[in-house]
C-alpha atoms as a PDB file:
ATOM      1  CA  MET A   1       6.171  27.111  15.933  1.00  0.00           C
ATOM      2  CA  ASN A   2       3.328  27.280  13.801  1.00  0.00           C
ATOM      3  CA  PRO A   3       0.476  24.473  14.620  1.00  0.00           C
ATOM      4  CA  PRO A   4       0.469  20.689  12.913  1.00  0.00           C
ATOM      5  CA  PHE A   5      -1.501  21.027  10.157  1.00  0.00           C
ATOM      6  CA  LEU A   6      -3.671  17.216  11.408  1.00  0.00           C
ATOM      7  CA  CYS A   7      -4.197  15.977  14.918  1.00  0.00           C
ATOM      8  CA  ARG A   8      -4.774  12.526  15.115  1.00  0.00           C
ATOM      9  CA  SER A   9      -7.406  14.309  17.393  1.00  0.00           C
ATOM     10  CA  ASP A  10      -9.648  15.438  14.856  1.00  0.00           C
ATOM     11  CA  ALA A  11     -10.657  12.777  13.233  1.00  0.00           C
ATOM     12  CA  ARG A  12     -13.051  14.659  10.784  1.00  0.00           C
ATOM     13  CA  ARG A  13     -10.748  16.617   9.600  1.00  0.00           C
ATOM     14  CA  ILE A  14      -8.475  13.849   8.846  1.00  0.00           C
ATOM     15  CA  ALA A  15     -11.134  12.150   7.052  1.00  0.00           C
ATOM     16  CA  ARG A  16     -12.154  15.288   4.882  1.00  0.00           C
ATOM     17  CA  VAL A  17      -8.685  15.591   3.429  1.00  0.00           C
ATOM     18  CA  LEU A  18      -8.112  11.861   2.756  1.00  0.00           C
ATOM     19  CA  SER A  19     -11.840  12.317   0.499  1.00  0.00           C
ATOM     20  CA  GLN A  20     -10.321  15.662  -0.945  1.00  0.00           C
ATOM     21  CA  VAL A  21      -6.987  13.405  -1.893  1.00  0.00           C
ATOM     22  CA  GLU A  22      -8.635  10.155  -2.961  1.00  0.00           C
ATOM     23  CA  ASN A  23     -11.446  11.605  -4.734  1.00  0.00           C
ATOM     24  CA  ARG A  24      -8.207  14.247  -6.537  1.00  0.00           C
ATOM     25  CA  SER A  25     -10.513  17.216  -5.500  1.00  0.00           C
ATOM     26  CA  PRO A  26      -9.254  20.882  -6.219  1.00  0.00           C
ATOM     27  CA  GLY A  27      -6.685  21.651  -3.564  1.00  0.00           C
ATOM     28  CA  CYS A  28      -5.701  18.407  -2.853  1.00  0.00           C
ATOM     29  CA  ALA A  29      -2.021  19.446  -4.331  1.00  0.00           C
ATOM     30  CA  SER A  30      -1.713  22.447  -1.497  1.00  0.00           C
ATOM     31  CA  LEU A  31      -2.971  19.673   1.061  1.00  0.00           C
ATOM     32  CA  MET A  32      -0.016  17.429   0.208  1.00  0.00           C
ATOM     33  CA  LYS A  33       2.366  19.937   0.454  1.00  0.00           C
ATOM     34  CA  GLU A  34       1.738  20.453   3.833  1.00  0.00           C
ATOM     35  CA  CYS A  35       1.244  16.799   4.540  1.00  0.00           C
ATOM     36  CA  TRP A  36       4.567  15.539   3.143  1.00  0.00           C
ATOM     37  CA  LYS A  37       6.223  18.953   5.929  1.00  0.00           C
ATOM     38  CA  GLN A  38       4.339  16.702   8.681  1.00  0.00           C
ATOM     39  CA  ALA A  39       5.377  13.370   8.029  1.00  0.00           C
ATOM     40  CA  GLY A  40       7.932  11.000   8.285  1.00  0.00           C
ATOM     41  CA  GLY A  41       7.101   9.614  11.935  1.00  0.00           C
ATOM     42  CA  ALA A  42       5.287   6.536  11.391  1.00  0.00           C
ATOM     43  CA  TRP A  43       6.107   3.080  11.171  1.00  0.00           C
ATOM     44  CA  ILE A  44       4.138   2.176   8.171  1.00  0.00           C
ATOM     45  CA  ILE A  45       3.706  -1.484   7.529  1.00  0.00           C
ATOM     46  CA  GLY A  46       1.951  -3.426   4.404  1.00  0.00           C
ATOM     47  CA  ILE A  47      -0.288  -6.425   5.235  1.00  0.00           C
ATOM     48  CA  THR A  48      -0.923  -8.378   1.609  1.00  0.00           C
ATOM     49  CA  GLY A  49      -1.553 -11.642   0.553  1.00  0.00           C
ATOM     50  CA  PRO A  50      -4.076 -14.348  -1.135  1.00  0.00           C
ATOM     51  CA  PRO A  51      -8.004 -13.489  -0.838  1.00  0.00           C
ATOM     52  CA  GLY A  52      -8.834 -15.343   2.019  1.00  0.00           C
ATOM     53  CA  ALA A  53      -5.718 -15.738   3.782  1.00  0.00           C
ATOM     54  CA  GLY A  54      -7.217 -13.757   7.128  1.00  0.00           C
ATOM     55  CA  LYS A  55      -6.013 -10.245   6.393  1.00  0.00           C
ATOM     56  CA  SER A  56      -8.448  -8.529   7.915  1.00  0.00           C
ATOM     57  CA  THR A  57      -8.645 -10.785  11.310  1.00  0.00           C
ATOM     58  CA  LEU A  58      -4.638 -10.143  10.979  1.00  0.00           C
ATOM     59  CA  THR A  59      -4.762  -6.747  11.060  1.00  0.00           C
ATOM     60  CA  SER A  60      -7.646  -6.636  13.763  1.00  0.00           C
ATOM     61  CA  SER A  61      -5.346  -8.317  15.994  1.00  0.00           C
ATOM     62  CA  LEU A  62      -2.278  -6.689  15.409  1.00  0.00           C
ATOM     63  CA  ILE A  63      -4.489  -3.304  16.315  1.00  0.00           C
ATOM     64  CA  ARG A  64      -5.401  -4.752  19.343  1.00  0.00           C
ATOM     65  CA  LYS A  65      -1.882  -5.351  20.430  1.00  0.00           C
ATOM     66  CA  PHE A  66      -0.441  -1.973  19.179  1.00  0.00           C
ATOM     67  CA  ARG A  67      -2.746  -0.541  21.431  1.00  0.00           C
ATOM     68  CA  GLU A  68      -1.830  -2.840  24.553  1.00  0.00           C
ATOM     69  CA  GLU A  69       1.112  -1.385  23.877  1.00  0.00           C
ATOM     70  CA  GLY A  70       0.346   2.092  24.130  1.00  0.00           C
ATOM     71  CA  LYS A  71       0.824   2.855  19.936  1.00  0.00           C
ATOM     72  CA  THR A  72      -1.168   4.905  18.426  1.00  0.00           C
ATOM     73  CA  VAL A  73      -2.659   3.044  15.021  1.00  0.00           C
ATOM     74  CA  GLY A  74      -3.975   4.389  11.423  1.00  0.00           C
ATOM     75  CA  VAL A  75      -5.259   1.674   9.266  1.00  0.00           C
ATOM     76  CA  LEU A  76      -5.447   1.887   5.167  1.00  0.00           C
ATOM     77  CA  ALA A  77      -8.207  -0.592   4.729  1.00  0.00           C
ATOM     78  CA  VAL A  78      -7.489  -0.980   0.461  1.00  0.00           C
ATOM     79  CA  ASP A  79     -10.791  -2.801  -1.218  1.00  0.00           C
ATOM     80  CA  PRO A  80     -11.376  -3.742  -4.231  1.00  0.00           C
ATOM     81  CA  SER A  81     -14.945  -2.838  -5.474  1.00  0.00           C
ATOM     82  CA  SER A  82     -15.822   0.103  -3.437  1.00  0.00           C
ATOM     83  CA  SER A  83     -15.119   1.616  -0.714  1.00  0.00           C
ATOM     84  CA  PHE A  84     -17.522   2.812   2.673  1.00  0.00           C
ATOM     85  CA  SER A  85     -17.678   5.338   4.617  1.00  0.00           C
ATOM     86  CA  GLY A  86     -19.630   5.796   8.313  1.00  0.00           C
ATOM     87  CA  GLY A  87     -22.038   2.505   8.530  1.00  0.00           C
ATOM     88  CA  ALA A  88     -20.939   1.017   4.969  1.00  0.00           C
ATOM     89  CA  LEU A  89     -18.441  -1.914   5.694  1.00  0.00           C
ATOM     90  CA  LEU A  90     -17.728  -5.572   4.334  1.00  0.00           C
ATOM     91  CA  GLY A  91     -18.492  -8.333   6.645  1.00  0.00           C
ATOM     92  CA  ASP A  92     -15.196  -9.146   6.945  1.00  0.00           C
ATOM     93  CA  ARG A  93     -13.848  -5.626   8.244  1.00  0.00           C
ATOM     94  CA  ILE A  94     -16.254  -6.511  11.470  1.00  0.00           C
ATOM     95  CA  ARG A  95     -13.967  -7.113  13.460  1.00  0.00           C
ATOM     96  CA  MET A  96     -11.777  -4.434  12.661  1.00  0.00           C
ATOM     97  CA  MET A  97     -14.764  -1.920  12.748  1.00  0.00           C
ATOM     98  CA  GLU A  98     -14.812  -2.558  16.404  1.00  0.00           C
ATOM     99  CA  MET A  99     -11.713  -1.263  17.274  1.00  0.00           C
ATOM    100  CA  SER A 100     -12.391   1.894  15.886  1.00  0.00           C
ATOM    101  CA  LEU A 101     -14.348   2.734  18.567  1.00  0.00           C
ATOM    102  CA  ASP A 102     -11.493   3.484  20.346  1.00  0.00           C
ATOM    103  CA  GLU A 103     -10.020   7.162  19.969  1.00  0.00           C
ATOM    104  CA  GLY A 104      -6.484   6.033  19.461  1.00  0.00           C
ATOM    105  CA  VAL A 105      -7.523   3.467  16.285  1.00  0.00           C
ATOM    106  CA  PHE A 106      -8.392   5.615  13.080  1.00  0.00           C
ATOM    107  CA  ILE A 107      -9.817   3.320  10.141  1.00  0.00           C
ATOM    108  CA  ARG A 108      -9.788   4.244   6.764  1.00  0.00           C
ATOM    109  CA  SER A 109     -12.167   2.010   3.029  1.00  0.00           C
ATOM    110  CA  ALA A 110      -9.866   2.839  -0.630  1.00  0.00           C
ATOM    111  CA  ALA A 111     -11.718   1.302  -3.009  1.00  0.00           C
ATOM    112  CA  THR A 112      -8.988   0.938  -5.711  1.00  0.00           C
ATOM    113  CA  ARG A 113     -11.098   2.358  -8.130  1.00  0.00           C
ATOM    114  CA  GLY A 114      -9.747  -0.043 -11.438  1.00  0.00           C
ATOM    115  CA  SER A 115      -6.008   0.598 -10.251  1.00  0.00           C
ATOM    116  CA  MET A 116      -3.800  -2.815  -9.894  1.00  0.00           C
ATOM    117  CA  GLY A 117      -0.695  -3.393  -7.960  1.00  0.00           C
ATOM    118  CA  GLY A 118      -2.853  -4.028  -5.353  1.00  0.00           C
ATOM    119  CA  LEU A 119      -3.412  -0.335  -3.476  1.00  0.00           C
ATOM    120  CA  SER A 120      -5.279   1.938  -5.283  1.00  0.00           C
ATOM    121  CA  ALA A 121      -3.597   5.019  -6.738  1.00  0.00           C
ATOM    122  CA  ALA A 122      -4.172   7.355  -4.446  1.00  0.00           C
ATOM    123  CA  ALA A 123      -3.336   5.055  -1.464  1.00  0.00           C
ATOM    124  CA  GLY A 124       0.290   6.624  -1.103  1.00  0.00           C
ATOM    125  CA  ASP A 125      -1.191   9.767  -0.551  1.00  0.00           C
ATOM    126  CA  MET A 126      -3.688   8.361   1.817  1.00  0.00           C
ATOM    127  CA  ILE A 127      -0.912   6.761   3.422  1.00  0.00           C
ATOM    128  CA  THR A 128       0.839  10.393   3.672  1.00  0.00           C
ATOM    129  CA  VAL A 129      -2.104  12.007   5.503  1.00  0.00           C
ATOM    130  CA  MET A 130      -2.167   9.655   8.315  1.00  0.00           C
ATOM    131  CA  ASP A 131       1.346   9.911   8.999  1.00  0.00           C
ATOM    132  CA  ALA A 132       1.025  14.096   8.951  1.00  0.00           C
ATOM    133  CA  ALA A 133      -1.874  13.011  11.147  1.00  0.00           C
ATOM    134  CA  GLY A 134       0.815  12.021  14.090  1.00  0.00           C
ATOM    135  CA  PHE A 135      -0.284   8.152  14.462  1.00  0.00           C
ATOM    136  CA  ASP A 136       2.545   5.991  15.756  1.00  0.00           C
ATOM    137  CA  VAL A 137       1.980   2.755  13.589  1.00  0.00           C
ATOM    138  CA  ILE A 138      -0.353   3.070   9.613  1.00  0.00           C
ATOM    139  CA  LEU A 139      -1.380  -0.563   8.999  1.00  0.00           C
ATOM    140  CA  VAL A 140      -1.583  -1.301   5.081  1.00  0.00           C
ATOM    141  CA  GLU A 141      -3.856  -4.026   4.036  1.00  0.00           C
ATOM    142  CA  THR A 142      -4.014  -4.477   0.439  1.00  0.00           C
ATOM    143  CA  VAL A 143      -6.580  -6.010  -1.977  1.00  0.00           C
ATOM    144  CA  GLY A 144      -6.213 -10.146  -2.422  1.00  0.00           C
ATOM    145  CA  VAL A 145      -3.089 -10.524  -4.479  1.00  0.00           C
ATOM    146  CA  GLY A 146      -1.449 -12.639  -6.095  1.00  0.00           C
ATOM    147  CA  GLN A 147       1.917 -12.997  -8.675  1.00  0.00           C
ATOM    148  CA  ASP A 148       2.589  -9.217  -9.421  1.00  0.00           C
ATOM    149  CA  GLU A 149       0.522  -7.029  -7.320  1.00  0.00           C
ATOM    150  CA  ILE A 150       3.116  -6.075  -5.196  1.00  0.00           C
ATOM    151  CA  ASP A 151       2.701  -1.470  -4.510  1.00  0.00           C
ATOM    152  CA  ILE A 152       2.990  -2.511  -1.557  1.00  0.00           C
ATOM    153  CA  ILE A 153       6.678  -2.474  -0.944  1.00  0.00           C
ATOM    154  CA  ARG A 154       6.669   1.170  -2.141  1.00  0.00           C
ATOM    155  CA  GLU A 155       4.975   2.276   0.358  1.00  0.00           C
ATOM    156  CA  ALA A 156       5.139  -0.027   3.696  1.00  0.00           C
ATOM    157  CA  ASP A 157       8.172   0.078   5.451  1.00  0.00           C
ATOM    158  CA  SER A 158       7.545  -3.539   7.205  1.00  0.00           C
ATOM    159  CA  VAL A 159       6.072  -5.646   4.675  1.00  0.00           C
ATOM    160  CA  ILE A 160       4.323  -8.877   5.975  1.00  0.00           C
ATOM    161  CA  LEU A 161       2.959 -11.840   3.767  1.00  0.00           C
ATOM    162  CA  VAL A 162      -0.048 -13.732   4.893  1.00  0.00           C
ATOM    163  CA  LEU A 163      -0.518 -16.949   3.872  1.00  0.00           C
ATOM    164  CA  VAL A 164      -2.665 -20.117   4.789  1.00  0.00           C
ATOM    165  CA  PRO A 165      -2.725 -23.964   4.344  1.00  0.00           C
ATOM    166  CA  GLY A 166      -4.191 -25.032   1.301  1.00  0.00           C
ATOM    167  CA  LEU A 167      -2.456 -23.295  -1.007  1.00  0.00           C
ATOM    168  CA  GLY A 168      -1.494 -26.702  -2.763  1.00  0.00           C
ATOM    169  CA  ASP A 169       1.045 -25.566  -6.246  1.00  0.00           C
ATOM    170  CA  ASP A 170      -0.130 -21.295  -6.024  1.00  0.00           C
ATOM    171  CA  ILE A 171       2.754 -21.192  -3.614  1.00  0.00           C
ATOM    172  CA  GLN A 172       5.059 -21.644  -6.858  1.00  0.00           C
ATOM    173  CA  ALA A 173       2.714 -19.360  -8.827  1.00  0.00           C
ATOM    174  CA  LEU A 174       3.455 -16.883  -5.709  1.00  0.00           C
ATOM    175  CA  LYS A 175       7.049 -17.338  -5.345  1.00  0.00           C
ATOM    176  CA  ALA A 176       7.620 -15.325  -9.177  1.00  0.00           C
ATOM    177  CA  GLY A 177       6.376 -12.540  -7.768  1.00  0.00           C
ATOM    178  CA  ILE A 178       4.988 -11.168  -4.578  1.00  0.00           C
ATOM    179  CA  MET A 179       7.475 -14.051  -2.116  1.00  0.00           C
ATOM    180  CA  GLU A 180      10.240 -11.640  -3.174  1.00  0.00           C
ATOM    181  CA  ILE A 181       8.675  -8.683  -1.617  1.00  0.00           C
ATOM    182  CA  ALA A 182       7.990 -10.380   2.080  1.00  0.00           C
ATOM    183  CA  ASP A 183       9.905  -9.277   5.688  1.00  0.00           C
ATOM    184  CA  ILE A 184       7.923 -11.365   7.523  1.00  0.00           C
ATOM    185  CA  PHE A 185       5.677 -14.324   6.439  1.00  0.00           C
ATOM    186  CA  VAL A 186       3.059 -14.970   8.413  1.00  0.00           C
ATOM    187  CA  VAL A 187       1.177 -18.838   7.255  1.00  0.00           C
ATOM    188  CA  ASN A 188      -1.927 -17.997   9.426  1.00  0.00           C
ATOM    189  CA  LYS A 189      -5.340 -20.368  10.583  1.00  0.00           C
ATOM    190  CA  ALA A 190      -1.995 -22.858  11.179  1.00  0.00           C
ATOM    191  CA  ASP A 191      -4.656 -25.403  13.200  1.00  0.00           C
ATOM    192  CA  LYS A 192      -5.555 -25.704   9.777  1.00  0.00           C
ATOM    193  CA  GLU A 193      -3.651 -29.109   8.430  1.00  0.00           C
ATOM    194  CA  GLY A 194      -1.116 -28.201   6.071  1.00  0.00           C
ATOM    195  CA  ALA A 195       0.421 -25.817   7.813  1.00  0.00           C
ATOM    196  CA  GLU A 196       4.209 -27.411   8.584  1.00  0.00           C
ATOM    197  CA  LYS A 197       4.292 -28.005   5.321  1.00  0.00           C
ATOM    198  CA  LEU A 198       3.463 -24.581   4.168  1.00  0.00           C
ATOM    199  CA  GLU A 199       5.840 -23.290   6.181  1.00  0.00           C
ATOM    200  CA  ARG A 200       8.789 -26.155   5.205  1.00  0.00           C
ATOM    201  CA  GLU A 201       8.141 -24.901   1.206  1.00  0.00           C
ATOM    202  CA  ILE A 202       8.119 -21.071   2.169  1.00  0.00           C
ATOM    203  CA  VAL A 203      11.771 -21.606   3.837  1.00  0.00           C
ATOM    204  CA  TYR A 204      12.671 -23.810   1.466  1.00  0.00           C
ATOM    205  CA  ILE A 205      11.490 -21.233  -1.613  1.00  0.00           C
ATOM    206  CA  LEU A 206      13.920 -18.599   1.047  1.00  0.00           C
ATOM    207  CA  GLY A 207      16.834 -21.384   1.067  1.00  0.00           C
ATOM    208  CA  LEU A 208      16.706 -20.975  -3.132  1.00  0.00           C
ATOM    209  CA  SER A 209      17.334 -17.050  -3.048  1.00  0.00           C
ATOM    210  CA  PRO A 210      20.375 -16.216  -5.344  1.00  0.00           C
ATOM    211  CA  VAL A 211      20.776 -13.073  -3.290  1.00  0.00           C
ATOM    212  CA  ARG A 212      21.845 -12.834  -0.006  1.00  0.00           C
ATOM    213  CA  LYS A 213      20.011 -10.609   2.271  1.00  0.00           C
ATOM    214  CA  GLU A 214      20.812  -8.184   5.155  1.00  0.00           C
ATOM    215  CA  TRP A 215      17.282  -9.421   6.720  1.00  0.00           C
ATOM    216  CA  THR A 216      16.317 -13.098   6.678  1.00  0.00           C
ATOM    217  CA  PRO A 217      12.108 -12.990   6.813  1.00  0.00           C
ATOM    218  CA  PRO A 218      11.314 -14.997   9.861  1.00  0.00           C
ATOM    219  CA  VAL A 219       8.334 -17.691   9.273  1.00  0.00           C
ATOM    220  CA  VAL A 220       5.262 -17.069  12.371  1.00  0.00           C
ATOM    221  CA  LYS A 221       2.011 -19.405  12.493  1.00  0.00           C
ATOM    222  CA  THR A 222      -0.540 -17.347  14.022  1.00  0.00           C
ATOM    223  CA  VAL A 223      -4.516 -18.417  14.635  1.00  0.00           C
ATOM    224  CA  ALA A 224      -5.827 -14.455  14.535  1.00  0.00           C
ATOM    225  CA  SER A 225      -9.332 -15.545  14.641  1.00  0.00           C
ATOM    226  CA  LYS A 226      -7.968 -16.766  18.108  1.00  0.00           C
ATOM    227  CA  ASN A 227      -5.311 -14.583  18.382  1.00  0.00           C
ATOM    228  CA  ASP A 228      -2.808 -17.059  18.562  1.00  0.00           C
ATOM    229  CA  GLY A 229       0.484 -16.076  18.059  1.00  0.00           C
ATOM    230  CA  MET A 230       0.196 -12.748  18.022  1.00  0.00           C
ATOM    231  CA  GLY A 231       2.883 -11.741  20.744  1.00  0.00           C
ATOM    232  CA  ALA A 232       5.161 -13.984  18.397  1.00  0.00           C
ATOM    233  CA  LEU A 233       4.372 -11.637  15.605  1.00  0.00           C
ATOM    234  CA  ALA A 234       4.474  -8.928  17.054  1.00  0.00           C
ATOM    235  CA  GLU A 235       8.635  -8.983  18.496  1.00  0.00           C
ATOM    236  CA  LYS A 236       9.197  -9.883  14.632  1.00  0.00           C
ATOM    237  CA  LEU A 237       7.869  -7.209  13.719  1.00  0.00           C
ATOM    238  CA  ALA A 238       9.440  -5.097  16.181  1.00  0.00           C
ATOM    239  CA  GLU A 239      12.993  -6.724  15.819  1.00  0.00           C
ATOM    240  CA  HIS A 240      12.332  -5.448  12.107  1.00  0.00           C
ATOM    241  CA  HIS A 241      11.895  -1.824  12.657  1.00  0.00           C
ATOM    242  CA  ARG A 242      14.813  -2.133  14.564  1.00  0.00           C
ATOM    243  CA  PHE A 243      16.894  -3.905  11.766  1.00  0.00           C
ATOM    244  CA  LEU A 244      15.814  -0.435   9.865  1.00  0.00           C
ATOM    245  CA  ARG A 245      16.002   2.067  12.175  1.00  0.00           C
ATOM    246  CA  TYR A 246      20.145   1.383  13.562  1.00  0.00           C
ATOM    247  CA  THR A 247      20.912   0.246   9.708  1.00  0.00           C
ATOM    248  CA  ALA A 248      20.658   2.396   6.103  1.00  0.00           C
ATOM    249  CA  PHE A 249      17.393   0.598   4.998  1.00  0.00           C
ATOM    250  CA  LEU A 250      14.588   2.831   6.219  1.00  0.00           C
ATOM    251  CA  ARG A 251      16.795   6.221   5.213  1.00  0.00           C
ATOM    252  CA  GLU A 252      17.097   4.614   1.830  1.00  0.00           C
ATOM    253  CA  LYS A 253      13.259   3.102   1.491  1.00  0.00           C
ATOM    254  CA  ARG A 254      12.417   6.491   2.139  1.00  0.00           C
ATOM    255  CA  LYS A 255      14.274   8.534   0.096  1.00  0.00           C
ATOM    256  CA  GLN A 256      13.160   5.693  -3.045  1.00  0.00           C
ATOM    257  CA  ARG A 257       9.526   6.649  -1.745  1.00  0.00           C
ATOM    258  CA  GLY A 258      10.396  10.094  -2.709  1.00  0.00           C
ATOM    259  CA  ALA A 259      11.188   9.244  -5.637  1.00  0.00           C
ATOM    260  CA  GLU A 260       9.003   7.530  -6.733  1.00  0.00           C
ATOM    261  CA  LYS A 261       6.349   9.665  -5.858  1.00  0.00           C
ATOM    262  CA  LEU A 262       8.061  12.541  -7.678  1.00  0.00           C
ATOM    263  CA  ARG A 263       7.925   9.837 -11.314  1.00  0.00           C
ATOM    264  CA  LYS A 264       4.672   9.225 -10.507  1.00  0.00           C
ATOM    265  CA  LEU A 265       3.900  13.202  -9.927  1.00  0.00           C
ATOM    266  CA  LEU A 266       5.321  13.848 -13.154  1.00  0.00           C
ATOM    267  CA  LEU A 267       3.693  11.156 -15.650  1.00  0.00           C
ATOM    268  CA  GLU A 268       0.448  12.290 -13.913  1.00  0.00           C
ATOM    269  CA  GLY A 269       1.243  15.843 -15.131  1.00  0.00           C
ATOM    270  CA  ILE A 270       2.554  14.515 -18.542  1.00  0.00           C
ATOM    271  CA  GLU A 271      -0.724  12.576 -18.915  1.00  0.00           C
ATOM    272  CA  LYS A 272      -2.555  15.721 -18.458  1.00  0.00           C
ATOM    273  CA  LYS A 273      -0.964  17.883 -20.628  1.00  0.00           C
ATOM    274  CA  LEU A 274      -1.556  14.932 -23.418  1.00  0.00           C
ATOM    275  CA  LYS A 275      -4.998  15.247 -22.668  1.00  0.00           C
ATOM    276  CA  LYS A 276      -5.323  19.481 -23.301  1.00  0.00           C
ATOM    277  CA  GLY A 277      -3.144  19.142 -26.196  1.00  0.00           C
ATOM    278  CA  PRO A 278      -1.667  16.270 -28.754  1.00  0.00           C
ATOM    279  CA  LEU A 279      -3.831  13.432 -27.495  1.00  0.00           C
ATOM    280  CA  ALA A 280      -7.356  15.676 -26.616  1.00  0.00           C
ATOM    281  CA  VAL A 281     -10.266  13.814 -28.005  1.00  0.00           C
ATOM    282  CA  GLY A 282      -9.745  16.006 -31.749  1.00  0.00           C
ATOM    283  CA  GLU A 283      -6.025  14.748 -31.761  1.00  0.00           C
ATOM    284  CA  GLU A 284      -6.023  11.901 -30.904  1.00  0.00           C
ATOM    285  CA  GLU A 285      -9.067  10.290 -33.287  1.00  0.00           C
ATOM    286  CA  LYS A 286      -6.871  12.520 -36.011  1.00  0.00           C
ATOM    287  CA  LEU A 287      -3.453  10.519 -34.872  1.00  0.00           C
ATOM    288  CA  LYS A 288      -5.361   7.392 -35.371  1.00  0.00           C
ATOM    289  CA  GLU A 289      -6.264   7.741 -38.708  1.00  0.00           C
ATOM    290  CA  ASP A 290      -2.609   8.788 -40.100  1.00  0.00           C
ATOM    291  CA  PHE A 291      -1.623   5.367 -37.994  1.00  0.00           C
ATOM    292  CA  VAL A 292      -4.547   3.852 -40.168  1.00  0.00           C
ATOM    293  CA  GLY A 293      -3.622   5.096 -43.535  1.00  0.00           C
ATOM    294  CA  LYS A 294       0.122   5.439 -43.390  1.00  0.00           C
ATOM    295  CA  ARG A 295       0.887   8.911 -42.562  1.00  0.00           C
ATOM    296  CA  SER A 296       2.562   8.315 -40.228  1.00  0.00           C
ATOM    297  CA  ASP A 297       3.798   5.889 -36.882  1.00  0.00           C
ATOM    298  CA  PRO A 298       2.866   5.885 -32.974  1.00  0.00           C
ATOM    299  CA  TYR A 299       7.151   5.806 -32.817  1.00  0.00           C
ATOM    300  CA  SER A 300       7.449   9.094 -34.695  1.00  0.00           C
ATOM    301  CA  ALA A 301       4.314  10.657 -33.476  1.00  0.00           C
ATOM    302  CA  ALA A 302       6.167  10.115 -29.848  1.00  0.00           C
ATOM    303  CA  GLU A 303       8.911  11.266 -30.876  1.00  0.00           C
ATOM    304  CA  GLU A 304       7.485  14.768 -31.895  1.00  0.00           C
ATOM    305  CA  ILE A 305       4.960  14.685 -28.767  1.00  0.00           C
ATOM    306  CA  LEU A 306       8.610  14.382 -26.342  1.00  0.00           C
ATOM    307  CA  ASP A 307      10.915  16.753 -28.247  1.00  0.00           C
ATOM    308  CA  ASP A 308       8.561  19.763 -26.796  1.00  0.00           C
ATOM    309  CA  LEU A 309       7.029  19.820 -23.402  1.00  0.00           C
ATOM    310  CA  SER A 310       6.181  23.016 -23.035  1.00  0.00           C
ATOM    311  CA  TRP A 311       2.806  22.496 -25.507  1.00  0.00           C
ATOM    312  CA  GLU A 312       1.767  25.868 -25.594  1.00  0.00           C
ATOM    313  CA  GLY A 313      -1.535  26.714 -25.014  1.00  0.00           C
ATOM    314  CA  THR A 314      -2.368  23.336 -22.811  1.00  0.00           C
ATOM    315  CA  GLU A 315      -1.857  25.059 -19.264  1.00  0.00           C
END
C-alpha cells in the first residue's frame, strides 16, 4: 500500500501545499489530483453568519469541544481582506490561534481576494487538502455574510448559521437567501436582551417554508465567549452527522460537490483559453470596436466562439 500523500502530523508540508493551491502555483493541479484520491474521510462543518455574530469565538469553542472528544481538527478561516501566515493574525482570532498550539489542531486563514459568496475561490481546494491530510473534522469559517453569500453550502456537510440579538429587521432580509442553507441555527450572545425574541422569529420563519424537509434545523442558544451552550450545539451537530450518514444525503452532497468542482474547473479552463485566444488583449479590443460600430454583436460573437472550443494554437 502506498504511503499517504499528506499526513496531519506534518504541518509544514500541509502549509506548503495549501499555499501552492491558494496561489494557483505551477503543479497545483497535480497536487489536487493526489489530494482528491486521499480525501473523503473528514466531517466538514461550515460556520457562517453576519459580521459581529461571534463566528470566530464559536469556532474556537467548537475546536475545544471536538478536542475533548479526541477528534483532530483542521480550520479554514476566510478573511475578507488579507490572509495571514505565522504570527500575522487578526484580533478576533486570538482565542482560535491559542488552540493551534495543540498538535491535533491545524489553523489556516485565506483571503477572499475579491471573490464573492463568503469563501475564497480556492477555499474548496484548500478544504480538500485538509481532508486529505486526515483531520477528523474541518471547520470552515466564512467572512461576515448577508443575503446571497451561500458558497459554504456547496463545500460543507453541516452548515451552522450564527445570529445574534439586535439584528432587528435584518433577519427579514436574511430569510430571502442565507436562512435556507442552515442545518443548525445558533443564537449566539444569548445572554443579551432579545435572544428569546430572535429564537421565536427563526422558528416562525422556518415554519413558513413551503418545502417539508427530512431534517428540521434546530435552534441552539449559546454564549460562546463563556462556553455556554456548546454541549447542546455539539449534540445537535452529532445528530445531524448521524442523519447524513444513515441516509443518502451525505453521499448525495459529495456527489454534487464533485459535479460542482468539475463545472468550476471547466469554466476556469475555458476562461484561460479565451484569454489566450478570442479574448486576448488585442482580440477583445477588436471585438469591442466591432460591437460599437455595429459590425458585430456580443450574441453572434459568443455563438461563434462556443461553436469551436478547440481554438488551435492557444495551448
